[in-house]
């Protein structure tokens, strides 16, 4: 599987997954040709690390004050979770609640928890992993 992400979008907008590279040719002659949108295509991790059967990602804040020499400061961060348990079933390829951790998408799921927003702070994630 492959994930397609618009290079200049945010909040999960325009992201989709394909299971055959040939689908890019069919897709590129449709809306893409009209919009002239650029995309990043990358291999989709089909067997990701799951917590509670759900996908998550990490949002870590880093301040870079110099490139030569490289000087950076690691800030705080959090893990964002999907609301639906992960499946690699091709029939679920279009389920954003299973594949995309963006809060802007997950908040529309009936199981979304507004108290914690589907997030853990890094310390809680570390405790769980240990």
N, C-alpha and C. Protein backbone atom coordinates (compact mmCIF):
# COMPACT_ATOMS: atom_id res chain seq x y z
N UNK A 1 0.84 -1.18 0.00
CA UNK A 1 0.00 0.00 0.00
C UNK A 1 0.89 1.24 0.00
N UNK A 2 0.33 2.33 -0.51
CA UNK A 2 1.03 3.61 -0.63
C UNK A 2 0.13 4.71 -0.10
N UNK A 3 0.73 5.71 0.54
CA UNK A 3 -0.05 6.83 1.05
C UNK A 3 0.32 8.07 0.24
N UNK A 4 -0.69 8.82 -0.15
CA UNK A 4 -0.52 10.02 -0.96
C UNK A 4 -0.91 11.22 -0.10
N UNK A 5 0.02 12.19 0.02
CA UNK A 5 -0.23 13.37 0.85
C UNK A 5 0.06 14.62 0.03
N UNK A 6 -0.88 15.57 0.02
CA UNK A 6 -0.60 16.84 -0.66
C UNK A 6 0.56 17.54 0.03
N UNK A 7 1.45 18.13 -0.74
CA UNK A 7 2.65 18.73 -0.16
C UNK A 7 2.36 20.07 0.52
N UNK A 8 1.23 20.68 0.26
CA UNK A 8 0.95 21.99 0.86
C UNK A 8 -0.40 22.02 1.57
N UNK A 9 -0.77 20.93 2.22
CA UNK A 9 -2.04 20.88 2.94
C UNK A 9 -1.78 20.51 4.40
N UNK A 10 -2.82 20.60 5.20
CA UNK A 10 -2.72 20.28 6.63
C UNK A 10 -4.02 19.64 7.09
N UNK A 11 -4.02 19.15 8.32
CA UNK A 11 -5.20 18.60 8.97
C UNK A 11 -5.78 17.39 8.25
N UNK A 12 -4.93 16.64 7.58
CA UNK A 12 -5.37 15.42 6.92
C UNK A 12 -6.09 15.63 5.60
N UNK A 13 -6.17 16.86 5.14
CA UNK A 13 -6.90 17.15 3.89
C UNK A 13 -6.17 16.57 2.69
N UNK A 14 -6.91 15.90 1.83
CA UNK A 14 -6.38 15.38 0.58
C UNK A 14 -5.56 14.12 0.67
N UNK A 15 -5.44 13.53 1.87
CA UNK A 15 -4.64 12.31 2.04
C UNK A 15 -5.48 11.10 1.64
N UNK A 16 -4.87 10.18 0.91
CA UNK A 16 -5.56 8.93 0.60
C UNK A 16 -4.53 7.82 0.42
N UNK A 17 -5.03 6.60 0.45
CA UNK A 17 -4.17 5.41 0.36
C UNK A 17 -4.56 4.63 -0.89
N UNK A 18 -3.55 4.10 -1.57
CA UNK A 18 -3.79 3.25 -2.72
C UNK A 18 -3.10 1.91 -2.47
N UNK A 19 -3.56 0.88 -3.15
CA UNK A 19 -2.91 -0.42 -2.96
C UNK A 19 -2.17 -0.90 -4.21
N UNK A 20 -2.20 -0.12 -5.28
CA UNK A 20 -1.46 -0.46 -6.49
C UNK A 20 -0.90 0.83 -7.09
N UNK A 21 0.37 0.81 -7.43
CA UNK A 21 0.98 2.01 -8.01
C UNK A 21 0.33 2.42 -9.34
N UNK A 22 -0.27 1.47 -10.04
CA UNK A 22 -0.95 1.80 -11.30
C UNK A 22 -2.11 2.77 -11.07
N UNK A 23 -2.64 2.80 -9.84
CA UNK A 23 -3.75 3.70 -9.55
C UNK A 23 -3.33 5.17 -9.63
N UNK A 24 -2.04 5.44 -9.48
CA UNK A 24 -1.57 6.82 -9.57
C UNK A 24 -1.82 7.37 -10.97
N UNK A 25 -1.58 6.57 -12.00
CA UNK A 25 -1.78 7.03 -13.37
C UNK A 25 -3.25 7.38 -13.60
N UNK A 26 -4.15 6.52 -13.15
CA UNK A 26 -5.58 6.80 -13.31
C UNK A 26 -5.98 8.05 -12.53
N UNK A 27 -5.48 8.17 -11.31
CA UNK A 27 -5.80 9.32 -10.47
C UNK A 27 -5.24 10.61 -11.07
N UNK A 28 -4.03 10.56 -11.61
CA UNK A 28 -3.37 11.78 -12.09
C UNK A 28 -4.05 12.38 -13.31
N UNK A 29 -4.84 11.62 -14.04
CA UNK A 29 -5.54 12.17 -15.19
C UNK A 29 -6.89 12.77 -14.79
N UNK A 30 -7.27 12.60 -13.54
CA UNK A 30 -8.55 13.14 -13.05
C UNK A 30 -8.36 14.50 -12.43
N UNK A 31 -8.80 14.64 -11.19
CA UNK A 31 -8.78 15.91 -10.47
C UNK A 31 -7.37 16.49 -10.36
N UNK A 32 -6.38 15.64 -10.16
CA UNK A 32 -5.01 16.09 -10.01
C UNK A 32 -4.56 16.93 -11.20
N UNK A 33 -4.92 16.50 -12.39
CA UNK A 33 -4.51 17.22 -13.60
C UNK A 33 -5.11 18.62 -13.62
N UNK A 34 -6.30 18.79 -13.08
CA UNK A 34 -6.95 20.11 -13.04
C UNK A 34 -6.38 20.99 -11.94
N UNK A 35 -6.10 20.42 -10.76
CA UNK A 35 -5.66 21.19 -9.61
C UNK A 35 -4.17 21.53 -9.63
N UNK A 36 -3.38 20.75 -10.36
CA UNK A 36 -1.93 20.93 -10.38
C UNK A 36 -1.35 20.88 -8.96
N UNK A 37 -1.91 20.05 -8.13
CA UNK A 37 -1.46 19.86 -6.76
C UNK A 37 -0.26 18.92 -6.75
N UNK A 38 0.75 19.22 -5.96
CA UNK A 38 1.88 18.30 -5.85
C UNK A 38 1.66 17.41 -4.63
N UNK A 39 2.06 16.16 -4.76
CA UNK A 39 1.86 15.17 -3.70
C UNK A 39 3.18 14.50 -3.34
N UNK A 40 3.23 14.01 -2.13
CA UNK A 40 4.32 13.16 -1.68
C UNK A 40 3.75 11.75 -1.60
N UNK A 41 4.43 10.80 -2.22
CA UNK A 41 3.99 9.41 -2.21
C UNK A 41 5.01 8.62 -1.40
N UNK A 42 4.54 7.85 -0.44
CA UNK A 42 5.47 7.03 0.32
C UNK A 42 4.84 5.68 0.64
N UNK A 43 5.69 4.73 0.88
CA UNK A 43 5.24 3.38 1.24
C UNK A 43 4.48 3.46 2.55
N UNK A 44 3.33 2.84 2.61
CA UNK A 44 2.50 2.83 3.80
C UNK A 44 2.98 1.71 4.72
N UNK A 45 3.17 2.01 5.99
CA UNK A 45 3.61 0.99 6.94
C UNK A 45 2.42 0.08 7.22
N UNK A 46 2.47 -1.13 6.67
CA UNK A 46 1.33 -2.04 6.77
C UNK A 46 1.26 -2.79 8.09
N UNK A 47 2.37 -2.87 8.81
CA UNK A 47 2.38 -3.57 10.08
C UNK A 47 2.93 -2.63 11.17
N UNK A 48 2.17 -1.56 11.48
CA UNK A 48 2.68 -0.56 12.41
C UNK A 48 2.60 -1.02 13.87
N UNK A 49 3.39 -0.36 14.71
CA UNK A 49 3.26 -0.57 16.15
C UNK A 49 1.90 -0.03 16.56
N UNK A 50 1.14 -0.83 17.28
CA UNK A 50 -0.20 -0.43 17.70
C UNK A 50 -0.28 -0.40 19.22
N UNK A 51 -1.11 0.46 19.73
CA UNK A 51 -1.42 0.48 21.16
C UNK A 51 -2.93 0.32 21.26
N UNK A 52 -3.34 -0.73 21.96
CA UNK A 52 -4.77 -1.02 22.04
C UNK A 52 -5.37 -1.34 20.69
N UNK A 53 -4.52 -1.83 19.77
CA UNK A 53 -4.99 -2.16 18.43
C UNK A 53 -5.12 -0.96 17.51
N UNK A 54 -4.72 0.22 17.98
CA UNK A 54 -4.90 1.45 17.21
C UNK A 54 -3.58 2.08 16.81
N UNK A 55 -3.59 2.71 15.63
CA UNK A 55 -2.42 3.43 15.14
C UNK A 55 -2.25 4.72 15.93
N UNK A 56 -1.00 5.17 15.99
CA UNK A 56 -0.71 6.45 16.62
C UNK A 56 0.51 7.06 15.93
N UNK A 57 0.67 8.35 16.10
CA UNK A 57 1.89 9.01 15.64
C UNK A 57 2.39 9.90 16.76
N UNK A 58 3.59 10.42 16.57
CA UNK A 58 4.20 11.30 17.56
C UNK A 58 4.33 12.70 17.00
N UNK A 59 3.98 13.67 17.79
CA UNK A 59 4.19 15.07 17.46
C UNK A 59 5.18 15.60 18.49
N UNK A 60 6.40 15.82 18.06
CA UNK A 60 7.47 16.25 18.95
C UNK A 60 7.92 17.65 18.50
N UNK A 61 8.07 18.55 19.45
CA UNK A 61 8.50 19.90 19.14
C UNK A 61 10.01 20.03 19.32
N UNK A 62 10.65 20.59 18.30
CA UNK A 62 12.09 20.76 18.30
C UNK A 62 12.40 22.19 17.87
N UNK A 63 13.29 22.84 18.61
CA UNK A 63 13.76 24.18 18.25
C UNK A 63 15.18 24.05 17.71
N UNK A 64 15.37 24.47 16.46
CA UNK A 64 16.70 24.43 15.86
C UNK A 64 17.22 25.87 15.83
N UNK A 65 18.35 26.08 16.50
CA UNK A 65 18.92 27.42 16.57
C UNK A 65 20.11 27.61 15.65
N UNK A 66 20.65 26.50 15.13
CA UNK A 66 21.80 26.60 14.24
C UNK A 66 21.91 25.31 13.43
N UNK A 67 22.33 25.46 12.17
CA UNK A 67 22.56 24.29 11.33
C UNK A 67 24.03 23.91 11.27
N UNK A 68 24.91 24.92 11.39
CA UNK A 68 26.35 24.66 11.36
C UNK A 68 27.01 25.44 12.47
N UNK A 69 27.28 24.83 13.58
CA UNK A 69 27.02 23.43 13.90
C UNK A 69 25.53 23.23 14.23
N UNK A 70 25.08 22.01 14.09
CA UNK A 70 23.70 21.71 14.41
C UNK A 70 23.47 21.88 15.91
N UNK A 71 22.53 22.73 16.25
CA UNK A 71 22.18 22.93 17.65
C UNK A 71 20.65 22.90 17.72
N UNK A 72 20.14 21.96 18.49
CA UNK A 72 18.69 21.85 18.61
C UNK A 72 18.30 21.50 20.03
N UNK A 73 17.08 21.87 20.35
CA UNK A 73 16.54 21.64 21.69
C UNK A 73 15.24 20.86 21.55
N UNK A 74 15.18 19.75 22.23
CA UNK A 74 14.00 18.90 22.19
C UNK A 74 12.98 19.43 23.18
N UNK A 75 11.78 19.67 22.69
CA UNK A 75 10.71 20.18 23.54
C UNK A 75 9.76 19.07 23.94
N UNK A 76 8.58 19.45 24.28
CA UNK A 76 7.56 18.50 24.69
C UNK A 76 6.89 17.92 23.45
N UNK A 77 6.00 17.01 23.65
CA UNK A 77 5.29 16.41 22.55
C UNK A 77 4.16 15.53 23.03
N UNK A 78 3.53 14.86 22.09
CA UNK A 78 2.40 13.99 22.42
C UNK A 78 2.20 12.95 21.33
N UNK A 79 1.44 11.92 21.67
CA UNK A 79 1.05 10.89 20.71
C UNK A 79 -0.41 11.11 20.36
N UNK A 80 -0.74 11.02 19.08
CA UNK A 80 -2.14 11.15 18.62
C UNK A 80 -2.61 9.77 18.16
N UNK A 81 -3.81 9.41 18.55
CA UNK A 81 -4.35 8.07 18.27
C UNK A 81 -5.54 8.11 17.32
N UNK A 82 -5.68 7.03 16.56
CA UNK A 82 -6.89 6.81 15.77
C UNK A 82 -7.99 6.32 16.72
N UNK A 83 -9.24 6.49 16.32
CA UNK A 83 -10.37 6.03 17.13
C UNK A 83 -10.81 4.61 16.79
N UNK A 84 -10.35 4.10 15.65
CA UNK A 84 -10.79 2.78 15.18
C UNK A 84 -9.57 1.85 15.15
N UNK A 85 -9.77 0.62 15.58
CA UNK A 85 -8.68 -0.37 15.55
C UNK A 85 -8.21 -0.60 14.12
N UNK A 86 -6.91 -0.74 13.98
CA UNK A 86 -6.27 -0.89 12.68
C UNK A 86 -6.53 -2.25 12.05
N UNK A 87 -6.69 -2.22 10.74
CA UNK A 87 -6.78 -3.43 9.93
C UNK A 87 -6.10 -3.15 8.61
N UNK A 88 -5.37 -4.12 8.08
CA UNK A 88 -4.73 -3.95 6.77
C UNK A 88 -5.64 -4.43 5.65
N UNK A 89 -6.89 -4.74 5.97
CA UNK A 89 -7.87 -5.19 4.99
C UNK A 89 -8.07 -4.10 3.92
N UNK A 90 -7.98 -4.48 2.65
CA UNK A 90 -8.13 -3.53 1.55
C UNK A 90 -9.51 -2.87 1.59
N UNK A 91 -10.52 -3.56 2.13
CA UNK A 91 -11.85 -2.98 2.24
C UNK A 91 -11.92 -1.79 3.20
N UNK A 92 -10.89 -1.62 4.02
CA UNK A 92 -10.84 -0.51 4.99
C UNK A 92 -9.88 0.59 4.54
N UNK A 93 -9.42 0.52 3.32
CA UNK A 93 -8.41 1.46 2.83
C UNK A 93 -8.89 2.92 2.86
N UNK A 94 -10.19 3.14 2.76
CA UNK A 94 -10.74 4.51 2.74
C UNK A 94 -11.26 4.98 4.09
N UNK A 95 -10.95 4.26 5.16
CA UNK A 95 -11.45 4.63 6.49
C UNK A 95 -10.46 5.57 7.17
N UNK A 96 -10.72 6.88 7.16
CA UNK A 96 -9.76 7.83 7.75
C UNK A 96 -9.65 7.68 9.27
N UNK A 97 -10.70 7.18 9.93
CA UNK A 97 -10.66 7.02 11.38
C UNK A 97 -9.72 5.89 11.81
N UNK A 98 -9.33 5.05 10.84
CA UNK A 98 -8.44 3.93 11.10
C UNK A 98 -7.00 4.25 10.70
N UNK A 99 -6.83 5.12 9.72
CA UNK A 99 -5.51 5.34 9.14
C UNK A 99 -4.88 6.69 9.44
N UNK A 100 -5.66 7.72 9.70
CA UNK A 100 -5.12 9.07 9.88
C UNK A 100 -5.33 9.55 11.32
N UNK A 101 -4.27 9.96 11.95
CA UNK A 101 -4.33 10.35 13.37
C UNK A 101 -4.70 11.82 13.57
N UNK A 102 -4.85 12.58 12.52
CA UNK A 102 -5.15 14.01 12.65
C UNK A 102 -6.40 14.24 13.49
N UNK A 103 -6.28 15.10 14.49
CA UNK A 103 -7.42 15.42 15.36
C UNK A 103 -8.56 16.03 14.54
N UNK A 104 -8.23 16.81 13.53
CA UNK A 104 -9.25 17.43 12.69
C UNK A 104 -10.13 16.39 11.99
N UNK A 105 -9.62 15.18 11.84
CA UNK A 105 -10.40 14.08 11.26
C UNK A 105 -11.05 13.26 12.38
N UNK A 106 -10.25 12.88 13.37
CA UNK A 106 -10.72 12.00 14.44
C UNK A 106 -11.88 12.60 15.23
N UNK A 107 -11.95 13.91 15.37
CA UNK A 107 -13.01 14.54 16.17
C UNK A 107 -14.40 14.34 15.58
N UNK A 108 -14.47 13.87 14.34
CA UNK A 108 -15.77 13.59 13.72
C UNK A 108 -16.23 12.15 13.94
N UNK A 109 -15.42 11.34 14.59
CA UNK A 109 -15.78 9.95 14.89
C UNK A 109 -16.64 9.93 16.15
N UNK A 110 -17.62 9.05 16.18
CA UNK A 110 -18.53 8.97 17.34
C UNK A 110 -17.82 8.57 18.62
N UNK A 111 -16.65 7.93 18.54
CA UNK A 111 -15.91 7.51 19.73
C UNK A 111 -14.85 8.51 20.17
N UNK A 112 -14.81 9.66 19.55
CA UNK A 112 -13.81 10.66 19.90
C UNK A 112 -14.04 11.15 21.33
N UNK A 113 -12.96 11.26 22.10
CA UNK A 113 -13.04 11.69 23.49
C UNK A 113 -12.57 13.14 23.58
N UNK A 114 -13.50 14.04 23.84
CA UNK A 114 -13.16 15.46 23.90
C UNK A 114 -12.37 15.82 25.16
N UNK A 115 -12.36 14.94 26.16
CA UNK A 115 -11.60 15.23 27.38
C UNK A 115 -10.10 15.18 27.14
N UNK A 116 -9.62 14.15 26.42
CA UNK A 116 -8.19 14.05 26.17
C UNK A 116 -7.84 14.18 24.69
N UNK A 117 -8.84 14.31 23.83
CA UNK A 117 -8.58 14.55 22.41
C UNK A 117 -7.86 13.45 21.68
N UNK A 118 -7.92 12.22 22.21
CA UNK A 118 -7.23 11.11 21.55
C UNK A 118 -5.72 11.25 21.62
N UNK A 119 -5.23 11.93 22.66
CA UNK A 119 -3.79 12.17 22.79
C UNK A 119 -3.27 11.69 24.14
N UNK A 120 -2.02 11.28 24.14
CA UNK A 120 -1.25 11.00 25.36
C UNK A 120 -0.03 11.91 25.34
N UNK A 121 0.38 12.40 26.49
CA UNK A 121 1.65 13.12 26.49
C UNK A 121 2.78 12.10 26.38
N UNK A 122 3.96 12.58 26.04
CA UNK A 122 5.10 11.69 25.80
C UNK A 122 5.44 10.87 27.04
N UNK A 123 5.29 11.47 28.22
CA UNK A 123 5.61 10.74 29.46
C UNK A 123 4.69 9.53 29.63
N UNK A 124 3.41 9.69 29.34
CA UNK A 124 2.48 8.55 29.46
C UNK A 124 2.77 7.48 28.42
N UNK A 125 3.13 7.88 27.22
CA UNK A 125 3.50 6.92 26.19
C UNK A 125 4.74 6.14 26.62
N UNK A 126 5.71 6.84 27.16
CA UNK A 126 6.93 6.19 27.62
C UNK A 126 6.64 5.19 28.74
N UNK A 127 5.79 5.57 29.69
CA UNK A 127 5.41 4.65 30.77
C UNK A 127 4.75 3.40 30.19
N UNK A 128 3.87 3.58 29.23
CA UNK A 128 3.20 2.43 28.62
C UNK A 128 4.22 1.51 27.93
N UNK A 129 5.13 2.09 27.18
CA UNK A 129 6.12 1.30 26.43
C UNK A 129 7.10 0.59 27.35
N UNK A 130 7.43 1.22 28.48
CA UNK A 130 8.34 0.58 29.42
C UNK A 130 7.67 -0.60 30.10
